[in-house]
């Protein structure tokens, strides 16, 4: 039986570049986090999927200027997307349409307004915090080291 790694509010704030606890608390009031029962005198624990969801919410706020009041349906959809079992590709873009409450992978043309998020970048940000090394990329083979030519 493998144990699932969990994180405290302090860990989440540090993983997202030192955001304030009040900002995290505001996000924790959104679905699906608001549906999870809490216990008195017990710290709330978060999963890696929760960290990724918060990273996307942070990007939506900071890069796209989304207001926290508009994140209700989006946060649950993002959490559902990152929690679903799938192979995480090296390049992954997702589309979040306005007010429709779902997230989908960008594979065809987009015909409605919304946001496009680079999920690979968000995953890398969380993985770097967790100390996971990114996959190695192929580098060009140098055939003539002495002259520096390929």
N, C-alpha and C. Protein backbone atom coordinates (compact mmCIF):
# COMPACT_ATOMS: atom_id res chain seq x y z
N UNK A 1 0.84 -1.17 0.00
CA UNK A 1 0.00 0.00 0.00
C UNK A 1 0.89 1.24 0.00
N UNK A 2 0.73 2.10 -0.98
CA UNK A 2 1.58 3.28 -1.06
C UNK A 2 0.89 4.46 -0.39
N UNK A 3 1.65 5.22 0.34
CA UNK A 3 1.12 6.38 1.03
C UNK A 3 1.10 7.57 0.08
N UNK A 4 0.00 8.31 0.12
CA UNK A 4 -0.12 9.50 -0.71
C UNK A 4 0.53 10.65 0.04
N UNK A 5 1.40 11.37 -0.64
CA UNK A 5 2.06 12.53 -0.05
C UNK A 5 1.04 13.63 0.11
N UNK A 6 1.01 14.26 1.27
CA UNK A 6 0.10 15.38 1.47
C UNK A 6 0.89 16.60 1.94
N UNK A 7 0.29 17.75 1.76
CA UNK A 7 0.96 19.02 2.01
C UNK A 7 0.11 19.91 2.89
N UNK A 8 0.77 20.71 3.70
CA UNK A 8 0.08 21.67 4.55
C UNK A 8 -0.09 22.99 3.79
N UNK A 9 -0.83 23.90 4.39
CA UNK A 9 -1.01 25.23 3.79
C UNK A 9 0.34 25.93 3.63
N UNK A 10 1.24 25.74 4.57
CA UNK A 10 2.57 26.34 4.48
C UNK A 10 3.32 25.80 3.26
N UNK A 11 3.22 24.49 3.01
CA UNK A 11 3.86 23.88 1.83
C UNK A 11 3.29 24.45 0.54
N UNK A 12 1.97 24.58 0.48
CA UNK A 12 1.31 25.10 -0.73
C UNK A 12 1.76 26.53 -1.00
N UNK A 13 1.78 27.35 0.05
CA UNK A 13 2.20 28.75 -0.11
C UNK A 13 3.64 28.83 -0.62
N UNK A 14 4.52 27.98 -0.08
CA UNK A 14 5.92 27.97 -0.52
C UNK A 14 6.03 27.47 -1.96
N UNK A 15 5.27 26.44 -2.32
CA UNK A 15 5.33 25.88 -3.67
C UNK A 15 4.90 26.89 -4.73
N UNK A 16 4.02 27.81 -4.36
CA UNK A 16 3.51 28.79 -5.30
C UNK A 16 4.21 30.14 -5.18
N UNK A 17 5.43 30.10 -4.72
CA UNK A 17 6.25 31.31 -4.71
C UNK A 17 6.00 32.24 -3.55
N UNK A 18 5.50 31.71 -2.45
CA UNK A 18 5.31 32.54 -1.26
C UNK A 18 4.00 33.30 -1.23
N UNK A 19 2.94 32.72 -1.79
CA UNK A 19 1.64 33.40 -1.73
C UNK A 19 1.18 33.47 -0.28
N UNK A 20 0.25 34.35 0.01
CA UNK A 20 -0.23 34.52 1.38
C UNK A 20 -1.21 33.40 1.74
N UNK A 21 -1.29 33.12 3.03
CA UNK A 21 -2.23 32.11 3.50
C UNK A 21 -3.67 32.55 3.27
N UNK A 22 -3.92 33.86 3.33
CA UNK A 22 -5.29 34.33 3.09
C UNK A 22 -5.72 34.07 1.65
N UNK A 23 -4.78 34.18 0.72
CA UNK A 23 -5.08 33.88 -0.68
C UNK A 23 -5.40 32.40 -0.84
N UNK A 24 -4.61 31.54 -0.21
CA UNK A 24 -4.87 30.11 -0.25
C UNK A 24 -6.21 29.80 0.41
N UNK A 25 -6.50 30.44 1.52
CA UNK A 25 -7.76 30.21 2.22
C UNK A 25 -8.95 30.57 1.32
N UNK A 26 -8.82 31.64 0.55
CA UNK A 26 -9.87 32.03 -0.38
C UNK A 26 -10.09 30.96 -1.43
N UNK A 27 -9.01 30.40 -1.98
CA UNK A 27 -9.13 29.32 -2.96
C UNK A 27 -9.73 28.07 -2.32
N UNK A 28 -9.40 27.82 -1.05
CA UNK A 28 -9.91 26.63 -0.36
C UNK A 28 -11.42 26.72 -0.11
N UNK A 29 -12.00 27.90 -0.28
CA UNK A 29 -13.45 28.06 -0.14
C UNK A 29 -14.19 27.72 -1.43
N UNK A 30 -13.43 27.46 -2.51
CA UNK A 30 -14.02 27.12 -3.81
C UNK A 30 -14.22 25.60 -3.90
N UNK A 31 -15.16 25.18 -4.76
CA UNK A 31 -15.28 23.73 -5.00
C UNK A 31 -14.04 23.23 -5.72
N UNK A 32 -13.62 22.06 -5.54
CA UNK A 32 -14.14 20.98 -4.72
C UNK A 32 -13.67 21.03 -3.27
N UNK A 33 -12.79 21.97 -2.94
CA UNK A 33 -12.21 22.03 -1.61
C UNK A 33 -13.25 22.35 -0.55
N UNK A 34 -14.24 23.17 -0.90
CA UNK A 34 -15.27 23.55 0.07
C UNK A 34 -16.18 22.37 0.40
N UNK A 35 -16.20 21.34 -0.45
CA UNK A 35 -17.03 20.16 -0.22
C UNK A 35 -16.35 19.13 0.68
N UNK A 36 -15.07 19.30 0.94
CA UNK A 36 -14.32 18.35 1.75
C UNK A 36 -14.48 18.74 3.22
N UNK A 37 -15.00 17.82 4.03
CA UNK A 37 -15.19 18.17 5.44
C UNK A 37 -13.85 18.39 6.15
N UNK A 38 -13.84 19.33 7.05
CA UNK A 38 -12.63 19.61 7.84
C UNK A 38 -12.90 19.25 9.29
N UNK A 39 -11.83 19.04 10.02
CA UNK A 39 -11.95 18.71 11.44
C UNK A 39 -11.40 19.86 12.27
N UNK A 40 -12.05 20.12 13.36
CA UNK A 40 -11.56 21.16 14.26
C UNK A 40 -10.19 20.79 14.79
N UNK A 41 -9.35 21.82 14.94
CA UNK A 41 -8.01 21.66 15.50
C UNK A 41 -7.13 20.70 14.71
N UNK A 42 -7.42 20.58 13.43
CA UNK A 42 -6.63 19.70 12.57
C UNK A 42 -6.33 20.45 11.29
N UNK A 43 -5.07 20.48 10.93
CA UNK A 43 -4.65 21.20 9.72
C UNK A 43 -5.19 20.50 8.48
N UNK A 44 -5.63 21.28 7.53
CA UNK A 44 -6.10 20.74 6.26
C UNK A 44 -4.89 20.26 5.48
N UNK A 45 -5.02 19.11 4.83
CA UNK A 45 -3.95 18.52 4.04
C UNK A 45 -4.35 18.57 2.57
N UNK A 46 -3.35 18.81 1.71
CA UNK A 46 -3.58 18.92 0.27
C UNK A 46 -2.75 17.88 -0.46
N UNK A 47 -3.23 17.48 -1.65
CA UNK A 47 -2.53 16.51 -2.49
C UNK A 47 -1.80 17.24 -3.61
N UNK A 48 -1.06 16.47 -4.41
CA UNK A 48 -0.37 17.06 -5.56
C UNK A 48 -1.38 17.61 -6.56
N UNK A 49 -2.52 16.95 -6.74
CA UNK A 49 -3.57 17.46 -7.63
C UNK A 49 -4.08 18.81 -7.12
N UNK A 50 -4.18 18.94 -5.81
CA UNK A 50 -4.60 20.22 -5.22
C UNK A 50 -3.56 21.30 -5.52
N UNK A 51 -2.27 20.94 -5.39
CA UNK A 51 -1.20 21.90 -5.69
C UNK A 51 -1.28 22.37 -7.14
N UNK A 52 -1.51 21.44 -8.06
CA UNK A 52 -1.64 21.81 -9.48
C UNK A 52 -2.86 22.70 -9.72
N UNK A 53 -3.95 22.39 -9.05
CA UNK A 53 -5.15 23.22 -9.18
C UNK A 53 -4.87 24.63 -8.70
N UNK A 54 -4.22 24.76 -7.56
CA UNK A 54 -3.90 26.09 -7.03
C UNK A 54 -2.92 26.83 -7.96
N UNK A 55 -1.99 26.09 -8.57
CA UNK A 55 -1.05 26.71 -9.51
C UNK A 55 -1.79 27.29 -10.72
N UNK A 56 -2.78 26.57 -11.22
CA UNK A 56 -3.57 27.06 -12.35
C UNK A 56 -4.40 28.27 -11.93
N UNK A 57 -5.00 28.22 -10.74
CA UNK A 57 -5.78 29.36 -10.25
C UNK A 57 -4.88 30.60 -10.10
N UNK A 58 -3.66 30.39 -9.62
CA UNK A 58 -2.71 31.49 -9.49
C UNK A 58 -2.40 32.09 -10.86
N UNK A 59 -2.17 31.24 -11.87
CA UNK A 59 -1.89 31.71 -13.22
C UNK A 59 -3.09 32.47 -13.78
N UNK A 60 -4.29 31.96 -13.56
CA UNK A 60 -5.49 32.63 -14.05
C UNK A 60 -5.62 34.03 -13.43
N UNK A 61 -5.30 34.14 -12.15
CA UNK A 61 -5.37 35.44 -11.48
C UNK A 61 -4.28 36.39 -11.95
N UNK A 62 -3.04 35.91 -11.94
CA UNK A 62 -1.90 36.78 -12.19
C UNK A 62 -1.68 37.08 -13.68
N UNK A 63 -1.82 36.09 -14.53
CA UNK A 63 -1.54 36.29 -15.95
C UNK A 63 -2.75 36.80 -16.74
N UNK A 64 -3.95 36.38 -16.31
CA UNK A 64 -5.14 36.73 -17.07
C UNK A 64 -6.08 37.69 -16.34
N UNK A 65 -5.77 38.03 -15.10
CA UNK A 65 -6.57 39.00 -14.36
C UNK A 65 -7.94 38.50 -13.92
N UNK A 66 -8.10 37.19 -13.82
CA UNK A 66 -9.40 36.65 -13.40
C UNK A 66 -9.66 37.01 -11.94
N UNK A 67 -10.88 37.38 -11.65
CA UNK A 67 -11.29 37.71 -10.28
C UNK A 67 -11.64 36.42 -9.54
N UNK A 68 -11.37 36.41 -8.26
CA UNK A 68 -11.63 35.21 -7.46
C UNK A 68 -13.10 34.82 -7.46
N UNK A 69 -13.98 35.79 -7.56
CA UNK A 69 -15.41 35.48 -7.58
C UNK A 69 -15.85 34.69 -8.80
N UNK A 70 -15.06 34.72 -9.87
CA UNK A 70 -15.40 34.00 -11.10
C UNK A 70 -14.79 32.61 -11.16
N UNK A 71 -14.12 32.17 -10.12
CA UNK A 71 -13.38 30.91 -10.16
C UNK A 71 -14.17 29.70 -9.67
N UNK A 72 -15.38 29.89 -9.20
CA UNK A 72 -16.14 28.79 -8.60
C UNK A 72 -16.27 27.56 -9.47
N UNK A 73 -16.80 27.71 -10.66
CA UNK A 73 -16.99 26.54 -11.53
C UNK A 73 -15.67 26.09 -12.15
N UNK A 74 -14.75 27.01 -12.33
CA UNK A 74 -13.48 26.67 -12.96
C UNK A 74 -12.60 25.83 -12.04
N UNK A 75 -12.57 26.13 -10.75
CA UNK A 75 -11.68 25.40 -9.85
C UNK A 75 -12.03 23.92 -9.79
N UNK A 76 -13.32 23.60 -9.75
CA UNK A 76 -13.73 22.19 -9.71
C UNK A 76 -13.36 21.48 -11.01
N UNK A 77 -13.54 22.17 -12.13
CA UNK A 77 -13.21 21.57 -13.43
C UNK A 77 -11.71 21.33 -13.56
N UNK A 78 -10.91 22.29 -13.13
CA UNK A 78 -9.45 22.14 -13.19
C UNK A 78 -9.03 20.97 -12.30
N UNK A 79 -9.57 20.91 -11.10
CA UNK A 79 -9.22 19.83 -10.17
C UNK A 79 -9.60 18.47 -10.74
N UNK A 80 -10.76 18.39 -11.36
CA UNK A 80 -11.18 17.14 -11.99
C UNK A 80 -10.21 16.76 -13.11
N UNK A 81 -9.79 17.74 -13.91
CA UNK A 81 -8.86 17.48 -15.02
C UNK A 81 -7.52 16.96 -14.51
N UNK A 82 -6.94 17.63 -13.52
CA UNK A 82 -5.60 17.22 -13.05
C UNK A 82 -5.65 15.94 -12.22
N UNK A 83 -6.82 15.59 -11.69
CA UNK A 83 -6.95 14.37 -10.89
C UNK A 83 -7.18 13.13 -11.74
N UNK A 84 -7.64 13.32 -12.97
CA UNK A 84 -7.92 12.18 -13.84
C UNK A 84 -6.63 11.47 -14.21
N UNK A 85 -6.64 10.13 -14.18
CA UNK A 85 -5.43 9.40 -14.54
C UNK A 85 -5.12 9.55 -16.03
N UNK A 86 -3.91 9.97 -16.33
CA UNK A 86 -3.46 10.10 -17.73
C UNK A 86 -1.96 10.25 -17.72
N UNK A 87 -1.37 9.94 -18.83
CA UNK A 87 0.06 10.16 -19.04
C UNK A 87 0.26 11.65 -19.28
N UNK A 88 1.10 12.29 -18.49
CA UNK A 88 1.36 13.72 -18.66
C UNK A 88 2.38 13.91 -19.77
N UNK A 89 1.95 14.47 -20.92
CA UNK A 89 2.89 14.68 -22.01
C UNK A 89 3.85 15.82 -21.70
N UNK A 90 4.95 15.88 -22.46
CA UNK A 90 5.92 16.96 -22.26
C UNK A 90 5.32 18.31 -22.61
N UNK A 91 4.40 18.33 -23.56
CA UNK A 91 3.74 19.57 -23.95
C UNK A 91 2.24 19.35 -23.80
N UNK A 92 1.61 20.11 -22.92
CA UNK A 92 0.19 19.92 -22.65
C UNK A 92 -0.48 21.28 -22.46
N UNK A 93 -1.39 21.61 -23.36
CA UNK A 93 -2.15 22.85 -23.28
C UNK A 93 -3.60 22.50 -23.02
N UNK A 94 -4.23 23.22 -22.10
CA UNK A 94 -5.65 22.99 -21.83
C UNK A 94 -6.43 24.27 -22.09
N UNK A 95 -7.71 24.08 -22.45
CA UNK A 95 -8.61 25.19 -22.72
C UNK A 95 -9.67 25.22 -21.64
N UNK A 96 -9.88 26.40 -21.04
CA UNK A 96 -10.90 26.60 -20.02
C UNK A 96 -11.89 27.62 -20.58
N UNK A 97 -13.06 27.17 -21.07
CA UNK A 97 -14.02 28.13 -21.63
C UNK A 97 -14.69 28.94 -20.53
N UNK A 98 -15.11 30.15 -20.89
CA UNK A 98 -15.81 31.01 -19.93
C UNK A 98 -17.11 30.37 -19.47
N UNK A 99 -17.27 30.27 -18.15
CA UNK A 99 -18.54 29.89 -17.55
C UNK A 99 -19.13 28.55 -17.93
N UNK A 100 -18.37 27.64 -18.49
CA UNK A 100 -18.95 26.36 -18.88
C UNK A 100 -18.61 25.22 -17.92
N UNK A 101 -17.70 25.43 -16.98
CA UNK A 101 -17.41 24.45 -15.95
C UNK A 101 -16.72 23.18 -16.38
N UNK A 102 -15.91 23.23 -17.43
CA UNK A 102 -15.11 22.07 -17.80
C UNK A 102 -13.78 22.53 -18.37
N UNK A 103 -12.85 21.61 -18.41
CA UNK A 103 -11.51 21.85 -18.95
C UNK A 103 -11.23 20.74 -19.94
N UNK A 104 -10.65 21.09 -21.09
CA UNK A 104 -10.33 20.06 -22.07
C UNK A 104 -8.95 20.34 -22.66
N UNK A 105 -8.36 19.30 -23.16
CA UNK A 105 -7.06 19.41 -23.80
C UNK A 105 -7.23 20.13 -25.13
N UNK A 106 -6.27 20.98 -25.48
CA UNK A 106 -6.33 21.71 -26.74
C UNK A 106 -5.76 20.80 -27.83
N UNK A 107 -6.65 20.26 -28.63
CA UNK A 107 -6.23 19.42 -29.74
C UNK A 107 -6.88 19.84 -31.04
N UNK A 108 -7.99 20.56 -30.94
CA UNK A 108 -8.64 21.07 -32.14
C UNK A 108 -8.82 22.58 -31.97
N UNK A 109 -9.41 23.19 -32.97
CA UNK A 109 -9.57 24.65 -32.92
C UNK A 109 -10.51 25.05 -31.78
N UNK A 110 -10.32 26.25 -31.31
CA UNK A 110 -11.12 26.80 -30.22
C UNK A 110 -12.10 27.79 -30.81
N UNK A 111 -13.40 27.57 -30.55
CA UNK A 111 -14.43 28.41 -31.17
C UNK A 111 -15.19 29.27 -30.17
N UNK A 112 -14.74 29.29 -28.91
CA UNK A 112 -15.42 30.11 -27.92
C UNK A 112 -14.38 30.82 -27.05
N UNK A 113 -14.78 31.89 -26.36
CA UNK A 113 -13.82 32.61 -25.52
C UNK A 113 -13.46 31.80 -24.28
N UNK A 114 -12.25 31.99 -23.81
CA UNK A 114 -11.78 31.29 -22.62
C UNK A 114 -10.29 31.51 -22.43
N UNK A 115 -9.68 30.62 -21.68
CA UNK A 115 -8.26 30.74 -21.37
C UNK A 115 -7.54 29.47 -21.80
N UNK A 116 -6.31 29.64 -22.26
CA UNK A 116 -5.45 28.50 -22.60
C UNK A 116 -4.28 28.52 -21.62
N UNK A 117 -4.08 27.40 -20.95
CA UNK A 117 -3.06 27.27 -19.91
C UNK A 117 -2.05 26.21 -20.33
N UNK A 118 -0.78 26.49 -20.13
CA UNK A 118 0.29 25.54 -20.38
C UNK A 118 0.45 24.65 -19.14
N UNK A 119 -0.19 23.49 -19.15
CA UNK A 119 -0.17 22.59 -18.00
C UNK A 119 1.21 22.00 -17.76
N UNK A 120 1.98 21.82 -18.80
CA UNK A 120 3.33 21.29 -18.63
C UNK A 120 4.16 22.24 -17.77
N UNK A 121 3.98 23.54 -17.97
CA UNK A 121 4.70 24.54 -17.17
C UNK A 121 4.24 24.49 -15.71
N UNK A 122 2.93 24.33 -15.50
CA UNK A 122 2.40 24.25 -14.13
C UNK A 122 2.91 22.99 -13.44
N UNK A 123 2.91 21.86 -14.16
CA UNK A 123 3.42 20.61 -13.57
C UNK A 123 4.91 20.73 -13.24
N UNK A 124 5.66 21.36 -14.14
CA UNK A 124 7.09 21.53 -13.91
C UNK A 124 7.34 22.38 -12.67
N UNK A 125 6.55 23.43 -12.50
CA UNK A 125 6.69 24.31 -11.34
C UNK A 125 6.48 23.55 -10.04
N UNK A 126 5.47 22.71 -10.00
CA UNK A 126 5.20 21.92 -8.79
C UNK A 126 6.26 20.83 -8.62
N UNK A 127 6.64 20.17 -9.70
CA UNK A 127 7.66 19.12 -9.62
C UNK A 127 9.00 19.68 -9.14
N UNK A 128 9.37 20.87 -9.59
CA UNK A 128 10.62 21.48 -9.12
C UNK A 128 10.56 21.75 -7.63
N UNK A 129 9.42 22.21 -7.14
CA UNK A 129 9.26 22.43 -5.70
C UNK A 129 9.40 21.11 -4.94
N UNK A 130 8.84 20.05 -5.50
CA UNK A 130 8.88 18.74 -4.85
C UNK A 130 10.23 18.06 -4.98
N UNK A 131 11.14 18.65 -5.76
CA UNK A 131 12.48 18.09 -5.92
C UNK A 131 12.57 17.03 -6.99
N UNK A 132 11.55 16.94 -7.83
CA UNK A 132 11.58 15.97 -8.93
C UNK A 132 12.31 16.62 -10.10
N UNK A 133 13.23 15.89 -10.68
CA UNK A 133 14.01 16.46 -11.79
C UNK A 133 13.22 16.35 -13.08
N UNK A 134 13.30 17.37 -13.92
CA UNK A 134 12.59 17.29 -15.21
C UNK A 134 13.26 16.25 -16.10
N UNK A 135 12.50 15.69 -17.06
CA UNK A 135 13.08 14.69 -17.95
C UNK A 135 14.20 15.31 -18.79
N UNK A 136 15.21 14.50 -19.06
CA UNK A 136 16.32 14.98 -19.88
C UNK A 136 15.86 15.16 -21.31
N UNK A 137 16.37 16.19 -21.95
CA UNK A 137 16.06 16.41 -23.35
C UNK A 137 17.28 16.01 -24.18
N UNK A 138 17.03 15.63 -25.40
CA UNK A 138 18.12 15.25 -26.27
C UNK A 138 18.89 16.49 -26.69
N UNK A 139 20.21 16.39 -26.59
CA UNK A 139 21.08 17.47 -27.02
C UNK A 139 21.78 17.04 -28.30
N UNK A 140 22.13 17.99 -29.16
CA UNK A 140 22.83 17.61 -30.39
C UNK A 140 24.19 16.98 -30.07
N UNK A 141 24.51 15.95 -30.78
CA UNK A 141 25.78 15.27 -30.59
C UNK A 141 26.90 16.07 -31.26
N UNK A 142 27.92 16.37 -30.50
CA UNK A 142 29.07 17.09 -31.06
C UNK A 142 30.06 16.05 -31.55
N UNK A 143 30.30 16.07 -32.83
CA UNK A 143 31.15 15.05 -33.42
C UNK A 143 32.63 15.43 -33.40
N UNK A 144 32.93 16.71 -33.50
CA UNK A 144 34.32 17.13 -33.51
C UNK A 144 34.52 18.08 -32.33
N UNK A 145 34.85 17.50 -31.18
CA UNK A 145 34.96 18.27 -29.94
C UNK A 145 36.08 19.29 -30.01
N UNK A 146 37.18 18.92 -30.66
CA UNK A 146 38.33 19.80 -30.73
C UNK A 146 38.01 21.11 -31.46
N UNK A 147 37.31 21.04 -32.57
CA UNK A 147 37.01 22.24 -33.34
C UNK A 147 35.66 22.86 -32.94
N UNK A 148 34.84 22.11 -32.22
CA UNK A 148 33.54 22.63 -31.83
C UNK A 148 32.48 22.52 -32.92
N UNK A 149 32.80 21.85 -34.03
CA UNK A 149 31.83 21.68 -35.12
C UNK A 149 31.01 20.41 -34.90
N UNK A 150 29.82 20.44 -35.48
CA UNK A 150 28.95 19.26 -35.39
C UNK A 150 29.13 18.39 -36.60
